[in-house]
Amino acid sequence: MKVQRSELLPLETYDARRAEVRARVLEVKQRRRVHAGPLTFLFENADTVRYQVQEMARAERLFREEELQHELDTYNELLGGPGELGCSLLIELAEPAERDAKLRAWVALPRHLYAKLADGRRVRARYDDRQVGDDRLSSVQYLKFPVGPQAPVAIGSDLPGLEVEAVLTEAQRAALQEDLAVSPT
C-alpha cells in the first residue's frame, strides 16, 4: 500500500520517537534483506518507505507540503503494484577500483536478475533504463519483480561471471508474502 501524507509524523514527534521507529523498521528490513554474493536485495514495503521519507524529512528539515509530497511520490515508486515486489538492489564492493571495474563489466546485470518461484520458473526483474549508463551501472538499482500471488523461493543473477543465487528463508518468504497480500492504492 502506498504511503499517504497523513501517515507521516511531524518532525518533532518523529525526533522524539525515532529510536523506537528505527528499531522496528530495522527488524522489518532484516526479514526483507537477501544477500547473494556482492548483491544485496532489500525488498521494500510501506514501513520501509515511510521510514525513508521520515529520515529524509528529518535530515533535510523538510516542512513544506510540496517537499514532503515530492519525497512521498519518489519513495512510493519503490513499491510494487499488485503481484509485484519492489526492491532496492545494492551492489556492495568496498574497494573503489574493483567497484568501478565491476560496475563497467556488469552493465547488463539488470537483465540477468531473477526471482525464482516454487515451480522453478524465473521471473525477470523490471528496471528503469535510466539507472544504466552506456558503459557503467549504478551501484544502486530499483527493481520490480512481477511474481504474482506467491512469494519467490530464491533470488539471483545469471549474468556470466556473476552467477549467484540465494534461497530465501521461511521468515523472508513469509514477509514477502505479507507484502504481496497488501494491495497498493
N, C-alpha and C. Protein backbone atom coordinates (compact mmCIF):
# COMPACT_ATOMS: atom_id res chain seq x y z
N MET A 1 0.83 -1.17 0.00
CA MET A 1 0.00 0.00 0.00
C MET A 1 0.88 1.24 0.00
N LYS A 2 0.58 2.20 -0.85
CA LYS A 2 1.35 3.43 -0.93
C LYS A 2 1.23 4.20 0.38
N VAL A 3 2.30 4.87 0.76
CA VAL A 3 2.32 5.67 1.97
C VAL A 3 1.63 7.00 1.69
N GLN A 4 0.75 7.40 2.58
CA GLN A 4 -0.02 8.64 2.44
C GLN A 4 0.60 9.74 3.29
N ARG A 5 0.38 10.96 2.91
CA ARG A 5 0.89 12.11 3.67
C ARG A 5 0.43 12.07 5.12
N SER A 6 -0.80 11.64 5.34
CA SER A 6 -1.37 11.61 6.69
C SER A 6 -0.65 10.63 7.62
N GLU A 7 0.15 9.72 7.05
CA GLU A 7 0.87 8.74 7.85
C GLU A 7 2.21 9.26 8.39
N LEU A 8 2.66 10.39 7.88
CA LEU A 8 3.94 10.94 8.31
C LEU A 8 3.78 11.70 9.62
N LEU A 9 4.72 11.48 10.50
CA LEU A 9 4.72 12.18 11.78
C LEU A 9 5.33 13.57 11.62
N PRO A 10 4.84 14.54 12.39
CA PRO A 10 5.52 15.84 12.39
C PRO A 10 6.97 15.63 12.84
N LEU A 11 7.88 16.49 12.38
CA LEU A 11 9.30 16.32 12.67
C LEU A 11 9.59 16.20 14.16
N GLU A 12 8.96 17.03 14.97
CA GLU A 12 9.22 16.99 16.41
C GLU A 12 8.80 15.64 17.01
N THR A 13 7.66 15.15 16.58
CA THR A 13 7.17 13.86 17.06
C THR A 13 8.09 12.74 16.58
N TYR A 14 8.50 12.81 15.31
CA TYR A 14 9.40 11.79 14.78
C TYR A 14 10.73 11.80 15.54
N ASP A 15 11.28 12.97 15.77
CA ASP A 15 12.53 13.07 16.53
C ASP A 15 12.39 12.39 17.89
N ALA A 16 11.26 12.61 18.56
CA ALA A 16 11.05 12.03 19.89
C ALA A 16 10.90 10.51 19.83
N ARG A 17 10.36 10.00 18.74
CA ARG A 17 10.10 8.55 18.61
C ARG A 17 11.10 7.83 17.70
N ARG A 18 12.08 8.54 17.22
CA ARG A 18 12.99 8.00 16.20
C ARG A 18 13.64 6.68 16.61
N ALA A 19 14.11 6.57 17.82
CA ALA A 19 14.80 5.34 18.25
C ALA A 19 13.87 4.14 18.18
N GLU A 20 12.65 4.29 18.64
CA GLU A 20 11.71 3.15 18.61
C GLU A 20 11.28 2.84 17.18
N VAL A 21 11.06 3.88 16.36
CA VAL A 21 10.68 3.66 14.95
C VAL A 21 11.83 2.95 14.23
N ARG A 22 13.03 3.43 14.44
CA ARG A 22 14.21 2.84 13.78
C ARG A 22 14.38 1.37 14.15
N ALA A 23 14.24 1.04 15.41
CA ALA A 23 14.38 -0.35 15.86
C ALA A 23 13.35 -1.24 15.18
N ARG A 24 12.12 -0.76 15.09
CA ARG A 24 11.06 -1.55 14.46
C ARG A 24 11.32 -1.73 12.96
N VAL A 25 11.73 -0.66 12.30
CA VAL A 25 11.97 -0.73 10.85
C VAL A 25 13.20 -1.59 10.54
N LEU A 26 14.21 -1.55 11.38
CA LEU A 26 15.36 -2.42 11.15
C LEU A 26 14.95 -3.90 11.20
N GLU A 27 14.02 -4.22 12.09
CA GLU A 27 13.50 -5.60 12.13
C GLU A 27 12.73 -5.92 10.86
N VAL A 28 11.93 -4.98 10.40
CA VAL A 28 11.17 -5.16 9.15
C VAL A 28 12.15 -5.38 7.99
N LYS A 29 13.19 -4.56 7.93
CA LYS A 29 14.18 -4.69 6.84
C LYS A 29 14.95 -6.00 6.92
N GLN A 30 15.26 -6.43 8.14
CA GLN A 30 16.01 -7.68 8.33
C GLN A 30 15.32 -8.85 7.62
N ARG A 31 14.01 -8.92 7.73
CA ARG A 31 13.27 -10.02 7.10
C ARG A 31 13.12 -9.85 5.60
N ARG A 32 13.48 -8.68 5.08
CA ARG A 32 13.33 -8.40 3.66
C ARG A 32 14.67 -8.18 2.95
N ARG A 33 15.76 -8.44 3.65
CA ARG A 33 17.11 -8.27 3.08
C ARG A 33 17.66 -9.65 2.71
N VAL A 34 18.11 -9.76 1.46
CA VAL A 34 18.63 -11.03 0.96
C VAL A 34 19.99 -10.77 0.33
N HIS A 35 21.01 -11.51 0.78
CA HIS A 35 22.37 -11.37 0.26
C HIS A 35 22.66 -12.51 -0.71
N ALA A 36 23.18 -12.15 -1.88
CA ALA A 36 23.61 -13.13 -2.88
C ALA A 36 24.94 -12.63 -3.42
N GLY A 37 26.03 -13.14 -2.87
CA GLY A 37 27.36 -12.65 -3.25
C GLY A 37 27.45 -11.17 -2.92
N PRO A 38 27.93 -10.36 -3.88
CA PRO A 38 28.06 -8.92 -3.62
C PRO A 38 26.75 -8.15 -3.81
N LEU A 39 25.67 -8.87 -4.06
CA LEU A 39 24.37 -8.24 -4.28
C LEU A 39 23.51 -8.34 -3.03
N THR A 40 22.96 -7.22 -2.61
CA THR A 40 22.02 -7.21 -1.50
C THR A 40 20.69 -6.69 -2.03
N PHE A 41 19.68 -7.53 -1.94
CA PHE A 41 18.33 -7.18 -2.35
C PHE A 41 17.56 -6.78 -1.10
N LEU A 42 17.05 -5.56 -1.07
CA LEU A 42 16.21 -5.11 0.04
C LEU A 42 14.81 -4.88 -0.51
N PHE A 43 13.91 -5.78 -0.16
CA PHE A 43 12.53 -5.66 -0.62
C PHE A 43 11.83 -4.59 0.22
N GLU A 44 11.16 -3.70 -0.48
CA GLU A 44 10.54 -2.54 0.16
C GLU A 44 9.07 -2.80 0.46
N ASN A 45 8.60 -2.14 1.52
CA ASN A 45 7.17 -2.13 1.81
C ASN A 45 6.82 -0.77 2.39
N ALA A 46 5.58 -0.58 2.78
CA ALA A 46 5.14 0.73 3.29
C ALA A 46 5.96 1.16 4.50
N ASP A 47 6.32 0.24 5.37
CA ASP A 47 7.11 0.59 6.55
C ASP A 47 8.49 1.13 6.17
N THR A 48 9.16 0.47 5.23
CA THR A 48 10.50 0.91 4.84
C THR A 48 10.44 2.24 4.11
N VAL A 49 9.43 2.42 3.28
CA VAL A 49 9.27 3.67 2.54
C VAL A 49 8.94 4.82 3.49
N ARG A 50 8.02 4.59 4.41
CA ARG A 50 7.65 5.62 5.38
C ARG A 50 8.88 6.06 6.18
N TYR A 51 9.67 5.09 6.60
CA TYR A 51 10.89 5.38 7.34
C TYR A 51 11.85 6.24 6.51
N GLN A 52 12.05 5.86 5.24
CA GLN A 52 12.96 6.62 4.38
C GLN A 52 12.48 8.06 4.21
N VAL A 53 11.18 8.25 4.03
CA VAL A 53 10.65 9.61 3.87
C VAL A 53 10.83 10.39 5.17
N GLN A 54 10.55 9.76 6.31
CA GLN A 54 10.73 10.44 7.60
C GLN A 54 12.19 10.83 7.80
N GLU A 55 13.11 9.93 7.44
CA GLU A 55 14.53 10.22 7.60
C GLU A 55 14.97 11.37 6.67
N MET A 56 14.48 11.37 5.44
CA MET A 56 14.81 12.47 4.53
C MET A 56 14.25 13.78 5.05
N ALA A 57 13.02 13.77 5.52
CA ALA A 57 12.41 14.99 6.06
C ALA A 57 13.20 15.49 7.26
N ARG A 58 13.65 14.58 8.09
CA ARG A 58 14.44 14.95 9.27
C ARG A 58 15.80 15.51 8.86
N ALA A 59 16.50 14.80 7.98
CA ALA A 59 17.85 15.21 7.58
C ALA A 59 17.84 16.55 6.84
N GLU A 60 16.84 16.74 6.00
CA GLU A 60 16.80 17.95 5.19
C GLU A 60 15.86 19.01 5.76
N ARG A 61 15.30 18.72 6.93
CA ARG A 61 14.38 19.64 7.62
C ARG A 61 13.27 20.10 6.66
N LEU A 62 12.58 19.13 6.09
CA LEU A 62 11.50 19.42 5.15
C LEU A 62 10.21 19.69 5.91
N PHE A 63 9.62 20.84 5.68
CA PHE A 63 8.37 21.21 6.32
C PHE A 63 7.27 21.52 5.30
N ARG A 64 7.68 22.03 4.15
CA ARG A 64 6.68 22.45 3.16
C ARG A 64 5.98 21.23 2.57
N GLU A 65 4.68 21.37 2.37
CA GLU A 65 3.87 20.26 1.86
C GLU A 65 4.37 19.74 0.52
N GLU A 66 4.76 20.63 -0.39
CA GLU A 66 5.21 20.17 -1.70
C GLU A 66 6.51 19.39 -1.60
N GLU A 67 7.38 19.74 -0.66
CA GLU A 67 8.62 18.99 -0.46
C GLU A 67 8.32 17.59 0.08
N LEU A 68 7.45 17.53 1.05
CA LEU A 68 7.08 16.23 1.62
C LEU A 68 6.38 15.36 0.59
N GLN A 69 5.49 15.96 -0.19
CA GLN A 69 4.78 15.19 -1.22
C GLN A 69 5.75 14.68 -2.27
N HIS A 70 6.75 15.48 -2.63
CA HIS A 70 7.76 15.04 -3.60
C HIS A 70 8.50 13.81 -3.07
N GLU A 71 8.91 13.84 -1.81
CA GLU A 71 9.59 12.69 -1.21
C GLU A 71 8.69 11.47 -1.20
N LEU A 72 7.42 11.66 -0.82
CA LEU A 72 6.47 10.54 -0.83
C LEU A 72 6.33 9.95 -2.22
N ASP A 73 6.13 10.81 -3.21
CA ASP A 73 5.97 10.33 -4.59
C ASP A 73 7.20 9.57 -5.05
N THR A 74 8.37 10.09 -4.73
CA THR A 74 9.62 9.45 -5.14
C THR A 74 9.78 8.08 -4.49
N TYR A 75 9.63 8.02 -3.18
CA TYR A 75 9.84 6.75 -2.48
C TYR A 75 8.71 5.76 -2.71
N ASN A 76 7.49 6.23 -2.92
CA ASN A 76 6.39 5.31 -3.21
C ASN A 76 6.62 4.55 -4.52
N GLU A 77 7.44 5.13 -5.42
CA GLU A 77 7.76 4.43 -6.67
C GLU A 77 8.52 3.13 -6.41
N LEU A 78 9.14 3.00 -5.24
CA LEU A 78 9.88 1.78 -4.91
C LEU A 78 8.95 0.59 -4.66
N LEU A 79 7.69 0.88 -4.34
CA LEU A 79 6.76 -0.19 -4.00
C LEU A 79 6.22 -0.85 -5.27
N GLY A 80 6.03 -2.15 -5.18
CA GLY A 80 5.46 -2.87 -6.30
C GLY A 80 3.95 -2.65 -6.38
N GLY A 81 3.40 -2.92 -7.54
CA GLY A 81 1.95 -2.90 -7.72
C GLY A 81 1.39 -4.26 -7.37
N PRO A 82 0.13 -4.52 -7.72
CA PRO A 82 -0.46 -5.83 -7.44
C PRO A 82 0.38 -6.96 -8.06
N GLY A 83 0.74 -7.94 -7.24
CA GLY A 83 1.52 -9.07 -7.72
C GLY A 83 2.99 -8.77 -7.96
N GLU A 84 3.45 -7.61 -7.50
CA GLU A 84 4.85 -7.22 -7.69
C GLU A 84 5.53 -6.99 -6.35
N LEU A 85 6.81 -7.26 -6.33
CA LEU A 85 7.65 -6.92 -5.18
C LEU A 85 8.63 -5.85 -5.62
N GLY A 86 8.61 -4.72 -4.93
CA GLY A 86 9.57 -3.66 -5.18
C GLY A 86 10.83 -3.94 -4.40
N CYS A 87 11.96 -3.58 -4.96
CA CYS A 87 13.24 -3.97 -4.37
C CYS A 87 14.31 -2.93 -4.68
N SER A 88 15.12 -2.62 -3.68
CA SER A 88 16.34 -1.84 -3.90
C SER A 88 17.49 -2.84 -3.93
N LEU A 89 18.29 -2.77 -4.96
CA LEU A 89 19.46 -3.64 -5.10
C LEU A 89 20.69 -2.81 -4.82
N LEU A 90 21.51 -3.28 -3.89
CA LEU A 90 22.77 -2.63 -3.57
C LEU A 90 23.90 -3.53 -4.04
N ILE A 91 24.77 -2.99 -4.87
CA ILE A 91 25.94 -3.74 -5.32
C ILE A 91 27.06 -3.33 -4.38
N GLU A 92 27.46 -4.25 -3.52
CA GLU A 92 28.37 -3.93 -2.43
C GLU A 92 29.78 -4.43 -2.70
N LEU A 93 30.59 -3.51 -3.14
CA LEU A 93 32.01 -3.78 -3.38
C LEU A 93 32.78 -2.65 -2.71
N ALA A 94 33.54 -2.97 -1.68
CA ALA A 94 34.20 -1.96 -0.85
C ALA A 94 35.38 -1.27 -1.53
N GLU A 95 36.15 -1.98 -2.29
CA GLU A 95 37.36 -1.44 -2.92
C GLU A 95 36.96 -0.58 -4.14
N PRO A 96 37.28 0.72 -4.14
CA PRO A 96 36.85 1.62 -5.23
C PRO A 96 37.27 1.17 -6.63
N ALA A 97 38.48 0.72 -6.80
CA ALA A 97 38.93 0.31 -8.14
C ALA A 97 38.16 -0.91 -8.62
N GLU A 98 37.95 -1.88 -7.72
CA GLU A 98 37.18 -3.07 -8.08
C GLU A 98 35.74 -2.69 -8.40
N ARG A 99 35.16 -1.81 -7.57
CA ARG A 99 33.78 -1.38 -7.78
C ARG A 99 33.63 -0.75 -9.17
N ASP A 100 34.54 0.15 -9.51
CA ASP A 100 34.47 0.81 -10.81
C ASP A 100 34.57 -0.21 -11.94
N ALA A 101 35.51 -1.12 -11.84
CA ALA A 101 35.69 -2.14 -12.89
C ALA A 101 34.45 -3.04 -13.02
N LYS A 102 33.93 -3.49 -11.89
CA LYS A 102 32.78 -4.40 -11.92
C LYS A 102 31.52 -3.68 -12.43
N LEU A 103 31.31 -2.43 -12.03
CA LEU A 103 30.13 -1.70 -12.49
C LEU A 103 30.18 -1.45 -13.99
N ARG A 104 31.37 -1.44 -14.54
CA ARG A 104 31.51 -1.36 -16.00
C ARG A 104 31.30 -2.73 -16.65
N ALA A 105 31.87 -3.76 -16.04
CA ALA A 105 31.76 -5.12 -16.59
C ALA A 105 30.33 -5.67 -16.45
N TRP A 106 29.63 -5.23 -15.43
CA TRP A 106 28.29 -5.76 -15.14
C TRP A 106 27.16 -4.87 -15.67
N VAL A 107 27.42 -4.06 -16.67
CA VAL A 107 26.41 -3.13 -17.16
C VAL A 107 25.11 -3.84 -17.58
N ALA A 108 25.18 -5.10 -17.96
CA ALA A 108 23.99 -5.86 -18.36
C ALA A 108 23.29 -6.54 -17.19
N LEU A 109 23.79 -6.35 -15.98
CA LEU A 109 23.25 -7.06 -14.80
C LEU A 109 21.73 -6.97 -14.65
N PRO A 110 21.11 -5.81 -14.77
CA PRO A 110 19.65 -5.77 -14.53
C PRO A 110 18.85 -6.76 -15.37
N ARG A 111 19.31 -7.04 -16.58
CA ARG A 111 18.61 -8.01 -17.44
C ARG A 111 18.79 -9.45 -16.98
N HIS A 112 19.71 -9.67 -16.04
CA HIS A 112 20.04 -11.03 -15.60
C HIS A 112 19.59 -11.32 -14.16
N LEU A 113 18.82 -10.43 -13.59
CA LEU A 113 18.34 -10.63 -12.22
C LEU A 113 16.99 -11.34 -12.27
N TYR A 114 16.78 -12.24 -11.33
CA TYR A 114 15.53 -13.01 -11.33
C TYR A 114 15.09 -13.35 -9.92
N ALA A 115 13.81 -13.61 -9.82
CA ALA A 115 13.22 -14.22 -8.63
C ALA A 115 12.75 -15.60 -9.07
N LYS A 116 13.12 -16.62 -8.30
CA LYS A 116 12.72 -17.99 -8.65
C LYS A 116 11.46 -18.35 -7.87
N LEU A 117 10.47 -18.85 -8.58
CA LEU A 117 9.22 -19.27 -7.96
C LEU A 117 9.29 -20.73 -7.55
N ALA A 118 8.34 -21.16 -6.76
CA ALA A 118 8.33 -22.53 -6.24
C ALA A 118 8.33 -23.58 -7.35
N ASP A 119 7.72 -23.25 -8.50
CA ASP A 119 7.68 -24.21 -9.60
C ASP A 119 8.95 -24.20 -10.45
N GLY A 120 9.95 -23.40 -10.04
CA GLY A 120 11.23 -23.34 -10.74
C GLY A 120 11.33 -22.24 -11.79
N ARG A 121 10.22 -21.60 -12.11
CA ARG A 121 10.26 -20.51 -13.10
C ARG A 121 11.06 -19.33 -12.56
N ARG A 122 11.76 -18.67 -13.47
CA ARG A 122 12.49 -17.45 -13.13
C ARG A 122 11.72 -16.25 -13.67
N VAL A 123 11.42 -15.33 -12.79
CA VAL A 123 10.74 -14.10 -13.17
C VAL A 123 11.80 -13.00 -13.21
N ARG A 124 11.96 -12.39 -14.36
CA ARG A 124 12.98 -11.36 -14.55
C ARG A 124 12.56 -10.05 -13.88
N ALA A 125 13.56 -9.33 -13.39
CA ALA A 125 13.32 -8.02 -12.78
C ALA A 125 12.97 -7.02 -13.87
N ARG A 126 12.08 -6.11 -13.50
CA ARG A 126 11.84 -4.93 -14.33
C ARG A 126 12.67 -3.81 -13.70
N TYR A 127 13.25 -2.96 -14.51
CA TYR A 127 14.12 -1.92 -14.00
C TYR A 127 13.99 -0.69 -14.88
N ASP A 128 14.49 0.41 -14.38
CA ASP A 128 14.46 1.68 -15.09
C ASP A 128 15.75 1.83 -15.88
N ASP A 129 15.65 1.94 -17.19
CA ASP A 129 16.82 2.08 -18.06
C ASP A 129 17.70 3.28 -17.67
N ARG A 130 17.12 4.29 -17.01
CA ARG A 130 17.88 5.48 -16.64
C ARG A 130 18.95 5.17 -15.59
N GLN A 131 18.85 4.00 -14.93
CA GLN A 131 19.83 3.63 -13.92
C GLN A 131 21.07 2.97 -14.53
N VAL A 132 21.01 2.73 -15.82
CA VAL A 132 22.10 2.05 -16.52
C VAL A 132 22.66 2.99 -17.57
N GLY A 133 23.93 3.35 -17.42
CA GLY A 133 24.58 4.21 -18.40
C GLY A 133 25.03 3.40 -19.61
N ASP A 134 25.63 4.07 -20.54
CA ASP A 134 26.14 3.39 -21.74
C ASP A 134 27.27 2.44 -21.41
N ASP A 135 28.07 2.81 -20.40
CA ASP A 135 29.24 1.99 -20.10
C ASP A 135 29.40 1.66 -18.62
N ARG A 136 28.43 2.06 -17.80
CA ARG A 136 28.56 1.83 -16.36
C ARG A 136 27.19 1.71 -15.72
N LEU A 137 27.13 0.86 -14.74
CA LEU A 137 25.92 0.59 -13.98
C LEU A 137 25.96 1.39 -12.68
N SER A 138 24.84 1.86 -12.21
CA SER A 138 24.77 2.48 -10.89
C SER A 138 24.86 1.39 -9.83
N SER A 139 25.49 1.69 -8.70
CA SER A 139 25.65 0.69 -7.64
C SER A 139 24.36 0.47 -6.85
N VAL A 140 23.35 1.28 -7.10
CA VAL A 140 22.03 1.08 -6.51
C VAL A 140 21.03 1.00 -7.65
N GLN A 141 20.24 -0.06 -7.65
CA GLN A 141 19.23 -0.27 -8.67
C GLN A 141 17.87 -0.41 -8.00
N TYR A 142 16.83 0.08 -8.66
CA TYR A 142 15.47 -0.08 -8.16
C TYR A 142 14.74 -1.01 -9.11
N LEU A 143 14.25 -2.09 -8.55
CA LEU A 143 13.70 -3.18 -9.34
C LEU A 143 12.27 -3.49 -8.94
N LYS A 144 11.57 -4.15 -9.85
CA LYS A 144 10.26 -4.72 -9.54
C LYS A 144 10.25 -6.14 -10.08
N PHE A 145 9.77 -7.06 -9.26
CA PHE A 145 9.65 -8.46 -9.66
C PHE A 145 8.16 -8.81 -9.74
N PRO A 146 7.62 -9.00 -10.96
CA PRO A 146 6.22 -9.36 -11.11
C PRO A 146 5.99 -10.86 -10.85
N VAL A 147 5.93 -11.22 -9.57
CA VAL A 147 5.89 -12.63 -9.18
C VAL A 147 4.48 -13.19 -9.08
N GLY A 148 3.45 -12.35 -9.15
CA GLY A 148 2.09 -12.84 -8.99
C GLY A 148 1.74 -12.98 -7.52
N PRO A 149 0.89 -13.93 -7.17
CA PRO A 149 0.41 -14.02 -5.79
C PRO A 149 1.33 -14.74 -4.80
N GLN A 150 2.39 -15.39 -5.29
CA GLN A 150 3.25 -16.18 -4.41
C GLN A 150 4.64 -15.59 -4.28
N ALA A 151 5.14 -15.55 -3.05
CA ALA A 151 6.49 -15.07 -2.80
C ALA A 151 7.50 -16.01 -3.45
N PRO A 152 8.61 -15.48 -3.93
CA PRO A 152 9.63 -16.34 -4.52
C PRO A 152 10.32 -17.19 -3.45
N VAL A 153 11.02 -18.22 -3.92
CA VAL A 153 11.77 -19.09 -3.02
C VAL A 153 13.27 -18.78 -3.08
N ALA A 154 13.69 -18.04 -4.12
CA ALA A 154 15.10 -17.68 -4.27
C ALA A 154 15.20 -16.41 -5.11
N ILE A 155 16.36 -15.80 -5.05
CA ILE A 155 16.63 -14.59 -5.84
C ILE A 155 18.07 -14.70 -6.33
N GLY A 156 18.33 -14.22 -7.55
CA GLY A 156 19.68 -14.37 -8.03
C GLY A 156 20.00 -13.63 -9.30
N SER A 157 21.18 -13.95 -9.81
CA SER A 157 21.71 -13.39 -11.05
C SER A 157 22.28 -14.53 -11.88
N ASP A 158 21.99 -14.49 -13.18
CA ASP A 158 22.63 -15.45 -14.09
C ASP A 158 23.52 -14.73 -15.10
N LEU A 159 24.01 -13.55 -14.70
CA LEU A 159 24.97 -12.83 -15.54
C LEU A 159 26.25 -13.65 -15.60
N PRO A 160 26.76 -13.93 -16.80
CA PRO A 160 28.03 -14.66 -16.87
C PRO A 160 29.11 -13.97 -16.04
N GLY A 161 29.73 -14.72 -15.16
CA GLY A 161 30.73 -14.19 -14.25
C GLY A 161 30.17 -13.74 -12.92
N LEU A 162 28.85 -13.65 -12.83
CA LEU A 162 28.18 -13.31 -11.57
C LEU A 162 26.94 -14.19 -11.41
N GLU A 163 27.18 -15.48 -11.43
CA GLU A 163 26.09 -16.43 -11.22
C GLU A 163 25.97 -16.68 -9.72
N VAL A 164 24.96 -16.07 -9.11
CA VAL A 164 24.72 -16.22 -7.68
C VAL A 164 23.24 -16.42 -7.46
N GLU A 165 22.92 -17.17 -6.42
CA GLU A 165 21.52 -17.37 -6.06
C GLU A 165 21.44 -17.56 -4.55
N ALA A 166 20.47 -16.92 -3.95
CA ALA A 166 20.23 -17.06 -2.52
C ALA A 166 18.84 -17.64 -2.32
N VAL A 167 18.76 -18.71 -1.55
CA VAL A 167 17.47 -19.30 -1.20
C VAL A 167 16.90 -18.49 -0.04
N LEU A 168 15.66 -18.08 -0.17
CA LEU A 168 15.02 -17.29 0.87
C LEU A 168 14.65 -18.18 2.06
N THR A 169 14.80 -17.63 3.25
CA THR A 169 14.40 -18.35 4.45
C THR A 169 12.89 -18.33 4.58
N GLU A 170 12.37 -19.15 5.47
CA GLU A 170 10.92 -19.15 5.74
C GLU A 170 10.47 -17.75 6.16
N ALA A 171 11.24 -17.09 7.03
CA ALA A 171 10.88 -15.76 7.51
C ALA A 171 10.87 -14.75 6.36
N GLN A 172 11.82 -14.85 5.47
CA GLN A 172 11.86 -13.93 4.32
C GLN A 172 10.67 -14.16 3.40
N ARG A 173 10.37 -15.42 3.12
CA ARG A 173 9.23 -15.71 2.25
C ARG A 173 7.92 -15.26 2.90
N ALA A 174 7.78 -15.45 4.21
CA ALA A 174 6.57 -15.02 4.90
C ALA A 174 6.42 -13.50 4.83
N ALA A 175 7.53 -12.77 5.01
CA ALA A 175 7.48 -11.30 4.94
C ALA A 175 7.06 -10.84 3.54
N LEU A 176 7.64 -11.46 2.51
CA LEU A 176 7.29 -11.07 1.15
C LEU A 176 5.86 -11.47 0.80
N GLN A 177 5.41 -12.59 1.35
CA GLN A 177 4.02 -13.00 1.13
C GLN A 177 3.06 -11.98 1.76
N GLU A 178 3.41 -11.48 2.93
CA GLU A 178 2.61 -10.42 3.58
C GLU A 178 2.54 -9.20 2.67
N ASP A 179 3.68 -8.81 2.10
CA ASP A 179 3.71 -7.64 1.24
C ASP A 179 2.85 -7.83 -0.02
N LEU A 180 2.87 -9.03 -0.57
CA LEU A 180 2.04 -9.31 -1.76
C LEU A 180 0.55 -9.29 -1.42
N ALA A 181 0.21 -9.59 -0.18
CA ALA A 181 -1.19 -9.64 0.23
C ALA A 181 -1.78 -8.24 0.39
N VAL A 182 -0.92 -7.24 0.55
CA VAL A 182 -1.38 -5.86 0.70
C VAL A 182 -1.41 -5.23 -0.68
N SER A 183 -2.59 -4.87 -1.15
CA SER A 183 -2.66 -4.30 -2.50
C SER A 183 -2.44 -2.79 -2.44
N PRO A 184 -1.52 -2.28 -3.29
CA PRO A 184 -1.25 -0.85 -3.32
C PRO A 184 -2.45 -0.06 -3.81
N THR A 185 -2.52 1.16 -3.34
CA THR A 185 -3.57 2.07 -3.83
C THR A 185 -2.97 3.33 -4.38
